[in-house]
C-alpha atoms as a PDB file:
ATOM      1  CA  MET A   1     198.172 -17.566 164.955  1.00  0.00           C
ATOM      2  CA  VAL A   2     194.583 -18.714 165.505  1.00  0.00           C
ATOM      3  CA  LEU A   3     193.584 -19.582 169.069  1.00  0.00           C
ATOM      4  CA  LYS A   4     191.082 -22.415 169.224  1.00  0.00           C
ATOM      5  CA  LEU A   5     188.906 -22.463 172.334  1.00  0.00           C
ATOM      6  CA  PRO A   6     187.584 -25.707 173.793  1.00  0.00           C
ATOM      7  CA  THR A   7     183.983 -26.302 172.659  1.00  0.00           C
ATOM      8  CA  LYS A   8     182.488 -26.043 176.178  1.00  0.00           C
ATOM      9  CA  LEU A   9     184.286 -22.768 176.920  1.00  0.00           C
ATOM     10  CA  PHE A  10     183.161 -21.288 173.579  1.00  0.00           C
ATOM     11  CA  PHE A  11     179.540 -22.224 174.385  1.00  0.00           C
ATOM     12  CA  VAL A  12     179.717 -20.557 177.825  1.00  0.00           C
ATOM     13  CA  ILE A  13     181.172 -17.339 176.389  1.00  0.00           C
ATOM     14  CA  THR A  14     178.510 -17.243 173.659  1.00  0.00           C
ATOM     15  CA  LEU A  15     175.727 -17.834 176.199  1.00  0.00           C
ATOM     16  CA  CYS A  16     176.959 -14.972 178.405  1.00  0.00           C
ATOM     17  CA  ALA A  17     177.133 -12.617 175.427  1.00  0.00           C
ATOM     18  CA  CYS A  18     173.545 -13.484 174.446  1.00  0.00           C
ATOM     19  CA  ALA A  19     172.411 -12.922 178.013  1.00  0.00           C
ATOM     20  CA  HIS A  20     173.929  -9.422 178.070  1.00  0.00           C
ATOM     21  CA  VAL A  21     172.264  -8.531 174.747  1.00  0.00           C
ATOM     22  CA  THR A  22     168.867  -9.686 176.021  1.00  0.00           C
ATOM     23  CA  ILE A  23     169.286  -7.743 179.262  1.00  0.00           C
ATOM     24  CA  ALA A  24     170.178  -4.571 177.384  1.00  0.00           C
ATOM     25  CA  GLN A  25     167.022  -4.899 175.295  1.00  0.00           C
ATOM     26  CA  THR A  26     164.721  -5.460 178.249  1.00  0.00           C
ATOM     27  CA  ARG A  27     166.066  -2.740 180.536  1.00  0.00           C
ATOM     28  CA  SER A  28     164.162  -0.097 178.569  1.00  0.00           C
ATOM     29  CA  ILE A  29     160.845  -1.660 179.711  1.00  0.00           C
ATOM     30  CA  SER A  30     159.762  -0.600 183.175  1.00  0.00           C
ATOM     31  CA  TYR A  31     156.911  -1.606 185.437  1.00  0.00           C
ATOM     32  CA  GLY A  32     153.588  -0.133 184.398  1.00  0.00           C
ATOM     33  CA  ASN A  33     154.351   0.229 180.674  1.00  0.00           C
ATOM     34  CA  LEU A  34     151.513  -0.838 178.414  1.00  0.00           C
ATOM     35  CA  SER A  35     151.624  -3.431 175.690  1.00  0.00           C
ATOM     36  CA  PRO A  36     149.964  -2.674 172.315  1.00  0.00           C
ATOM     37  CA  THR A  37     146.758  -4.211 173.696  1.00  0.00           C
ATOM     38  CA  GLY A  38     146.735  -1.815 176.645  1.00  0.00           C
ATOM     39  CA  ILE A  39     147.564  -4.479 179.237  1.00  0.00           C
ATOM     40  CA  ALA A  40     150.233  -3.577 181.761  1.00  0.00           C
ATOM     41  CA  LEU A  41     153.483  -5.476 181.486  1.00  0.00           C
ATOM     42  CA  GLY A  42     154.865  -7.166 184.581  1.00  0.00           C
ATOM     43  CA  ALA A  43     157.691  -5.830 186.705  1.00  0.00           C
ATOM     44  CA  TYR A  44     161.243  -6.460 185.586  1.00  0.00           C
ATOM     45  CA  GLU A  45     163.507  -7.039 188.583  1.00  0.00           C
ATOM     46  CA  PRO A  46     167.258  -7.231 187.879  1.00  0.00           C
ATOM     47  CA  LYS A  47     169.162  -9.887 189.824  1.00  0.00           C
ATOM     48  CA  THR A  48     172.845 -10.766 189.840  1.00  0.00           C
ATOM     49  CA  PHE A  49     174.219 -14.294 189.613  1.00  0.00           C
ATOM     50  CA  GLY A  50     178.013 -14.697 189.475  1.00  0.00           C
ATOM     51  CA  GLY A  51     178.516 -11.220 188.035  1.00  0.00           C
ATOM     52  CA  ILE A  52     175.828 -11.606 185.376  1.00  0.00           C
ATOM     53  CA  THR A  53     172.679  -9.499 185.718  1.00  0.00           C
ATOM     54  CA  ALA A  54     169.464 -11.290 184.782  1.00  0.00           C
ATOM     55  CA  VAL A  55     165.920 -10.001 184.601  1.00  0.00           C
ATOM     56  CA  SER A  56     162.863 -11.831 185.909  1.00  0.00           C
ATOM     57  CA  VAL A  57     159.450 -11.037 184.485  1.00  0.00           C
ATOM     58  CA  GLY A  58     156.495 -10.776 186.875  1.00  0.00           C
ATOM     59  CA  ALA A  59     153.112 -12.062 185.695  1.00  0.00           C
ATOM     60  CA  GLU A  60     149.563 -12.310 186.918  1.00  0.00           C
ATOM     61  CA  PRO A  61     148.625 -15.699 188.372  1.00  0.00           C
ATOM     62  CA  PRO A  62     146.797 -18.047 185.991  1.00  0.00           C
ATOM     63  CA  ALA A  63     143.108 -17.184 185.612  1.00  0.00           C
ATOM     64  CA  GLY A  64     142.048 -20.799 185.172  1.00  0.00           C
ATOM     65  CA  ASP A  65     139.439 -20.554 187.919  1.00  0.00           C
ATOM     66  CA  ASP A  66     137.814 -17.436 186.468  1.00  0.00           C
ATOM     67  CA  PRO A  67     134.106 -18.335 186.127  1.00  0.00           C
ATOM     68  CA  TRP A  68     133.440 -16.239 183.043  1.00  0.00           C
ATOM     69  CA  LEU A  69     136.422 -17.456 181.065  1.00  0.00           C
ATOM     70  CA  SER A  70     135.844 -21.070 182.119  1.00  0.00           C
ATOM     71  CA  ARG A  71     132.278 -20.909 180.783  1.00  0.00           C
ATOM     72  CA  LEU A  72     133.559 -19.944 177.346  1.00  0.00           C
ATOM     73  CA  VAL A  73     135.912 -22.908 176.979  1.00  0.00           C
ATOM     74  CA  GLY A  74     134.586 -25.737 174.821  1.00  0.00           C
ATOM     75  CA  HIS A  75     133.137 -26.506 171.408  1.00  0.00           C
ATOM     76  CA  TRP A  76     130.076 -24.586 170.286  1.00  0.00           C
ATOM     77  CA  VAL A  77     127.559 -24.229 167.486  1.00  0.00           C
ATOM     78  CA  LEU A  78     126.458 -20.639 166.887  1.00  0.00           C
ATOM     79  CA  GLU A  79     123.028 -20.246 165.297  1.00  0.00           C
ATOM     80  CA  GLY A  80     120.885 -17.209 164.610  1.00  0.00           C
ATOM     81  CA  ARG A  81     120.707 -14.099 162.428  1.00  0.00           C
ATOM     82  CA  ILE A  82     123.549 -11.730 161.608  1.00  0.00           C
ATOM     83  CA  ALA A  83     123.151  -8.771 159.276  1.00  0.00           C
ATOM     84  CA  GLY A  84     119.664  -9.955 158.370  1.00  0.00           C
ATOM     85  CA  LYS A  85     120.717 -13.470 157.335  1.00  0.00           C
ATOM     86  CA  ASP A  86     120.377 -16.850 159.039  1.00  0.00           C
ATOM     87  CA  THR A  87     123.787 -18.309 159.781  1.00  0.00           C
ATOM     88  CA  THR A  88     125.535 -21.193 161.528  1.00  0.00           C
ATOM     89  CA  HIS A  89     129.102 -21.064 162.824  1.00  0.00           C
ATOM     90  CA  ASP A  90     131.367 -23.529 164.613  1.00  0.00           C
ATOM     91  CA  ILE A  91     133.380 -22.142 167.538  1.00  0.00           C
ATOM     92  CA  ASP A  92     136.288 -23.822 169.322  1.00  0.00           C
ATOM     93  CA  ALA A  93     137.405 -22.071 172.525  1.00  0.00           C
ATOM     94  CA  GLU A  94     140.474 -23.017 174.557  1.00  0.00           C
ATOM     95  CA  TRP A  95     142.850 -21.714 177.217  1.00  0.00           C
ATOM     96  CA  VAL A  96     146.095 -20.217 175.891  1.00  0.00           C
ATOM     97  CA  LEU A  97     149.152 -18.413 177.292  1.00  0.00           C
ATOM     98  CA  ASN A  98     149.273 -19.873 180.792  1.00  0.00           C
ATOM     99  CA  HIS A  99     145.475 -19.804 181.208  1.00  0.00           C
ATOM    100  CA  LEU A 100     145.451 -16.001 181.026  1.00  0.00           C
ATOM    101  CA  TYR A 101     143.411 -15.854 177.831  1.00  0.00           C
ATOM    102  CA  VAL A 102     140.656 -17.821 176.135  1.00  0.00           C
ATOM    103  CA  ARG A 103     141.020 -18.001 172.363  1.00  0.00           C
ATOM    104  CA  LEU A 104     137.922 -18.550 170.248  1.00  0.00           C
ATOM    105  CA  HIS A 105     138.196 -19.718 166.641  1.00  0.00           C
ATOM    106  CA  GLU A 106     134.919 -18.999 164.872  1.00  0.00           C
ATOM    107  CA  VAL A 107     134.218 -20.341 161.373  1.00  0.00           C
ATOM    108  CA  SER A 108     130.973 -20.044 159.423  1.00  0.00           C
ATOM    109  CA  ARG A 109     129.550 -23.100 157.701  1.00  0.00           C
ATOM    110  CA  GLU A 110     128.463 -20.889 154.822  1.00  0.00           C
ATOM    111  CA  LYS A 111     131.014 -20.607 152.015  1.00  0.00           C
ATOM    112  CA  ASP A 112     131.971 -17.802 149.656  1.00  0.00           C
ATOM    113  CA  SER A 113     132.277 -18.082 145.880  1.00  0.00           C
ATOM    114  CA  ARG A 114     135.740 -19.633 146.274  1.00  0.00           C
ATOM    115  CA  GLY A 115     134.571 -22.312 148.675  1.00  0.00           C
ATOM    116  CA  ARG A 116     136.151 -20.665 151.699  1.00  0.00           C
ATOM    117  CA  PRO A 117     134.293 -19.850 154.926  1.00  0.00           C
ATOM    118  CA  ALA A 118     132.172 -16.740 154.411  1.00  0.00           C
ATOM    119  CA  TYR A 119     133.279 -15.576 157.863  1.00  0.00           C
ATOM    120  CA  GLU A 120     136.151 -16.471 160.169  1.00  0.00           C
ATOM    121  CA  ALA A 121     137.403 -14.880 163.370  1.00  0.00           C
ATOM    122  CA  ILE A 122     140.062 -15.317 166.029  1.00  0.00           C
ATOM    123  CA  VAL A 123     138.928 -13.817 169.332  1.00  0.00           C
ATOM    124  CA  TYR A 124     140.875 -13.401 172.580  1.00  0.00           C
ATOM    125  CA  VAL A 125     139.108 -12.790 175.885  1.00  0.00           C
ATOM    126  CA  THR A 126     140.908 -11.991 179.150  1.00  0.00           C
ATOM    127  CA  TRP A 127     140.416 -10.556 182.622  1.00  0.00           C
ATOM    128  CA  TYR A 128     142.129  -7.169 183.008  1.00  0.00           C
ATOM    129  CA  ALA A 129     142.590  -6.946 186.779  1.00  0.00           C
ATOM    130  CA  ALA A 130     144.014  -3.409 186.825  1.00  0.00           C
ATOM    131  CA  ALA A 131     140.799  -2.031 185.329  1.00  0.00           C
ATOM    132  CA  GLY A 132     138.449  -4.540 186.970  1.00  0.00           C
ATOM    133  CA  GLU A 133     136.981  -5.581 183.654  1.00  0.00           C
ATOM    134  CA  TYR A 134     137.113  -8.108 180.857  1.00  0.00           C
ATOM    135  CA  ALA A 135     138.666  -7.266 177.499  1.00  0.00           C
ATOM    136  CA  VAL A 136     138.141  -8.874 174.118  1.00  0.00           C
ATOM    137  CA  LEU A 137     140.268  -8.550 170.979  1.00  0.00           C
ATOM    138  CA  TRP A 138     138.265  -9.382 167.845  1.00  0.00           C
ATOM    139  CA  LEU A 139     140.127 -10.236 164.640  1.00  0.00           C
ATOM    140  CA  ASP A 140     138.113 -11.377 161.631  1.00  0.00           C
ATOM    141  CA  THR A 141     138.009 -11.609 157.846  1.00  0.00           C
ATOM    142  CA  THR A 142     135.847  -8.514 157.359  1.00  0.00           C
ATOM    143  CA  ALA A 143     138.712  -6.038 157.855  1.00  0.00           C
ATOM    144  CA  SER A 144     142.353  -5.767 158.923  1.00  0.00           C
ATOM    145  CA  GLY A 145     141.827  -3.109 161.599  1.00  0.00           C
ATOM    146  CA  GLY A 146     141.508  -5.462 164.569  1.00  0.00           C
ATOM    147  CA  PHE A 147     144.270  -3.667 166.484  1.00  0.00           C
ATOM    148  CA  SER A 148     142.453  -0.351 166.189  1.00  0.00           C
ATOM    149  CA  PRO A 149     140.074   0.791 168.966  1.00  0.00           C
ATOM    150  CA  GLU A 150     137.136  -0.693 167.045  1.00  0.00           C
ATOM    151  CA  GLY A 151     138.607  -4.185 167.439  1.00  0.00           C
ATOM    152  CA  ILE A 152     138.944  -4.117 171.246  1.00  0.00           C
ATOM    153  CA  GLY A 153     135.949  -4.280 173.581  1.00  0.00           C
ATOM    154  CA  HIS A 154     135.653  -3.855 177.349  1.00  0.00           C
ATOM    155  CA  ALA A 155     133.008  -5.120 179.754  1.00  0.00           C
ATOM    156  CA  LYS A 156     132.217  -5.157 183.444  1.00  0.00           C
ATOM    157  CA  PRO A 157     129.967  -8.074 184.508  1.00  0.00           C
ATOM    158  CA  GLU A 158     126.284  -7.255 184.889  1.00  0.00           C
ATOM    159  CA  GLY A 159     124.333 -10.160 186.370  1.00  0.00           C
ATOM    160  CA  GLU A 160     124.911 -13.087 184.017  1.00  0.00           C
ATOM    161  CA  SER A 161     126.102 -10.869 181.177  1.00  0.00           C
ATOM    162  CA  LEU A 162     129.298  -9.337 179.842  1.00  0.00           C
ATOM    163  CA  PRO A 163     128.240  -6.237 177.859  1.00  0.00           C
ATOM    164  CA  PHE A 164     131.285  -5.611 175.669  1.00  0.00           C
ATOM    165  CA  VAL A 165     131.524  -2.056 174.367  1.00  0.00           C
ATOM    166  CA  PHE A 166     133.648  -1.130 171.356  1.00  0.00           C
ATOM    167  CA  LYS A 167     134.671   2.451 170.603  1.00  0.00           C
ATOM    168  CA  ASP A 168     135.883   4.132 167.441  1.00  0.00           C
ATOM    169  CA  ALA A 169     139.034   6.214 167.010  1.00  0.00           C
ATOM    170  CA  HIS A 170     137.212   9.238 168.444  1.00  0.00           C
ATOM    171  CA  GLY A 171     136.220   7.450 171.644  1.00  0.00           C
ATOM    172  CA  GLU A 172     132.565   7.156 170.649  1.00  0.00           C
ATOM    173  CA  VAL A 173     130.723   3.875 171.225  1.00  0.00           C
ATOM    174  CA  SER A 174     130.331   2.243 167.805  1.00  0.00           C
ATOM    175  CA  PHE A 175     129.359  -1.343 168.586  1.00  0.00           C
ATOM    176  CA  LYS A 176     128.081  -3.485 171.442  1.00  0.00           C
ATOM    177  CA  ASN A 177     128.213  -7.242 171.844  1.00  0.00           C
ATOM    178  CA  THR A 178     126.644  -8.577 175.036  1.00  0.00           C
ATOM    179  CA  PHE A 179     127.659 -12.106 176.047  1.00  0.00           C
ATOM    180  CA  ALA A 180     124.681 -13.372 178.078  1.00  0.00           C
ATOM    181  CA  TYR A 181     125.057 -16.701 179.868  1.00  0.00           C
ATOM    182  CA  ASP A 182     122.196 -19.029 180.857  1.00  0.00           C
ATOM    183  CA  PRO A 183     123.387 -21.245 183.741  1.00  0.00           C
ATOM    184  CA  ALA A 184     120.378 -23.576 183.443  1.00  0.00           C
ATOM    185  CA  SER A 185     121.036 -24.570 179.816  1.00  0.00           C
ATOM    186  CA  ARG A 186     124.769 -23.706 179.883  1.00  0.00           C
ATOM    187  CA  THR A 187     124.343 -21.721 176.688  1.00  0.00           C
ATOM    188  CA  TRP A 188     125.414 -18.270 175.572  1.00  0.00           C
ATOM    189  CA  ALA A 189     123.506 -15.618 173.676  1.00  0.00           C
ATOM    190  CA  TRP A 190     125.346 -12.900 171.810  1.00  0.00           C
ATOM    191  CA  VAL A 191     123.371  -9.698 171.325  1.00  0.00           C
ATOM    192  CA  MET A 192     125.119  -7.498 168.772  1.00  0.00           C
ATOM    193  CA  ASP A 193     124.186  -3.904 167.968  1.00  0.00           C
ATOM    194  CA  ASN A 194     125.695  -1.159 165.880  1.00  0.00           C
ATOM    195  CA  VAL A 195     125.613   2.193 167.647  1.00  0.00           C
ATOM    196  CA  ASP A 196     125.073   5.402 165.693  1.00  0.00           C
ATOM    197  CA  LYS A 197     125.187   8.568 167.799  1.00  0.00           C
ATOM    198  CA  GLY A 198     123.941   6.673 170.828  1.00  0.00           C
ATOM    199  CA  VAL A 199     121.159   4.881 168.953  1.00  0.00           C
ATOM    200  CA  LEU A 200     121.266   1.073 168.932  1.00  0.00           C
ATOM    201  CA  LYS A 201     120.670  -0.660 165.601  1.00  0.00           C
ATOM    202  CA  PRO A 202     120.288  -4.459 165.823  1.00  0.00           C
ATOM    203  CA  PHE A 203     123.010  -6.326 163.966  1.00  0.00           C
ATOM    204  CA  GLY A 204     122.953  -9.890 165.248  1.00  0.00           C
ATOM    205  CA  ARG A 205     121.078 -12.216 167.600  1.00  0.00           C
ATOM    206  CA  VAL A 206     122.688 -15.633 168.015  1.00  0.00           C
ATOM    207  CA  LYS A 207     122.819 -18.523 170.469  1.00  0.00           C
ATOM    208  CA  LEU A 208     125.819 -20.710 171.305  1.00  0.00           C
ATOM    209  CA  THR A 209     125.096 -24.327 172.211  1.00  0.00           C
ATOM    210  CA  ARG A 210     127.696 -26.916 173.154  1.00  0.00           C
ATOM    211  CA  ARG A 211     128.262 -29.608 170.565  1.00  0.00           C
END
């Protein structure tokens, strides 16, 4: 004999089962654990409603009023020299993920032999309150190692600049990219240098102007 449950009752039972599965998966994450990007996850506080335990996720308040991140938002034209060549890129920067990150999409106007952009990057910049610094995750078409230490930079504000420092797998500084802001013209300059055993070797000097 097959027992047929009313549709509404079946939906409620299914929903409760899904809730218990989700709770079981999240209980292994505790306050202070780090995500793959090194940013601390929020606190998980179990609460009970009608016999069902639910978990609420704590989060930092939106960083929409952060002056550095706000200055990055907009549409830009990047012009200058990179790796010894004149270049022009278009950059679109916008708030994402509850105003906790600014995402930059950078695309060169120069094309490769297949007619595709010679360079393209997706960049995330955020304020890391626990460390009192800004962090940047740089993903581009030059390599697939963006999640390695070389792809993540850290910077503490210095005057009107954010001197992002990138380190290799051995913890040695391998690259620097200083975001320097000019309040008068509302433009950015990016000063990029390779670092070899503590010696700076110029890699790029570009200016970002709003379009």
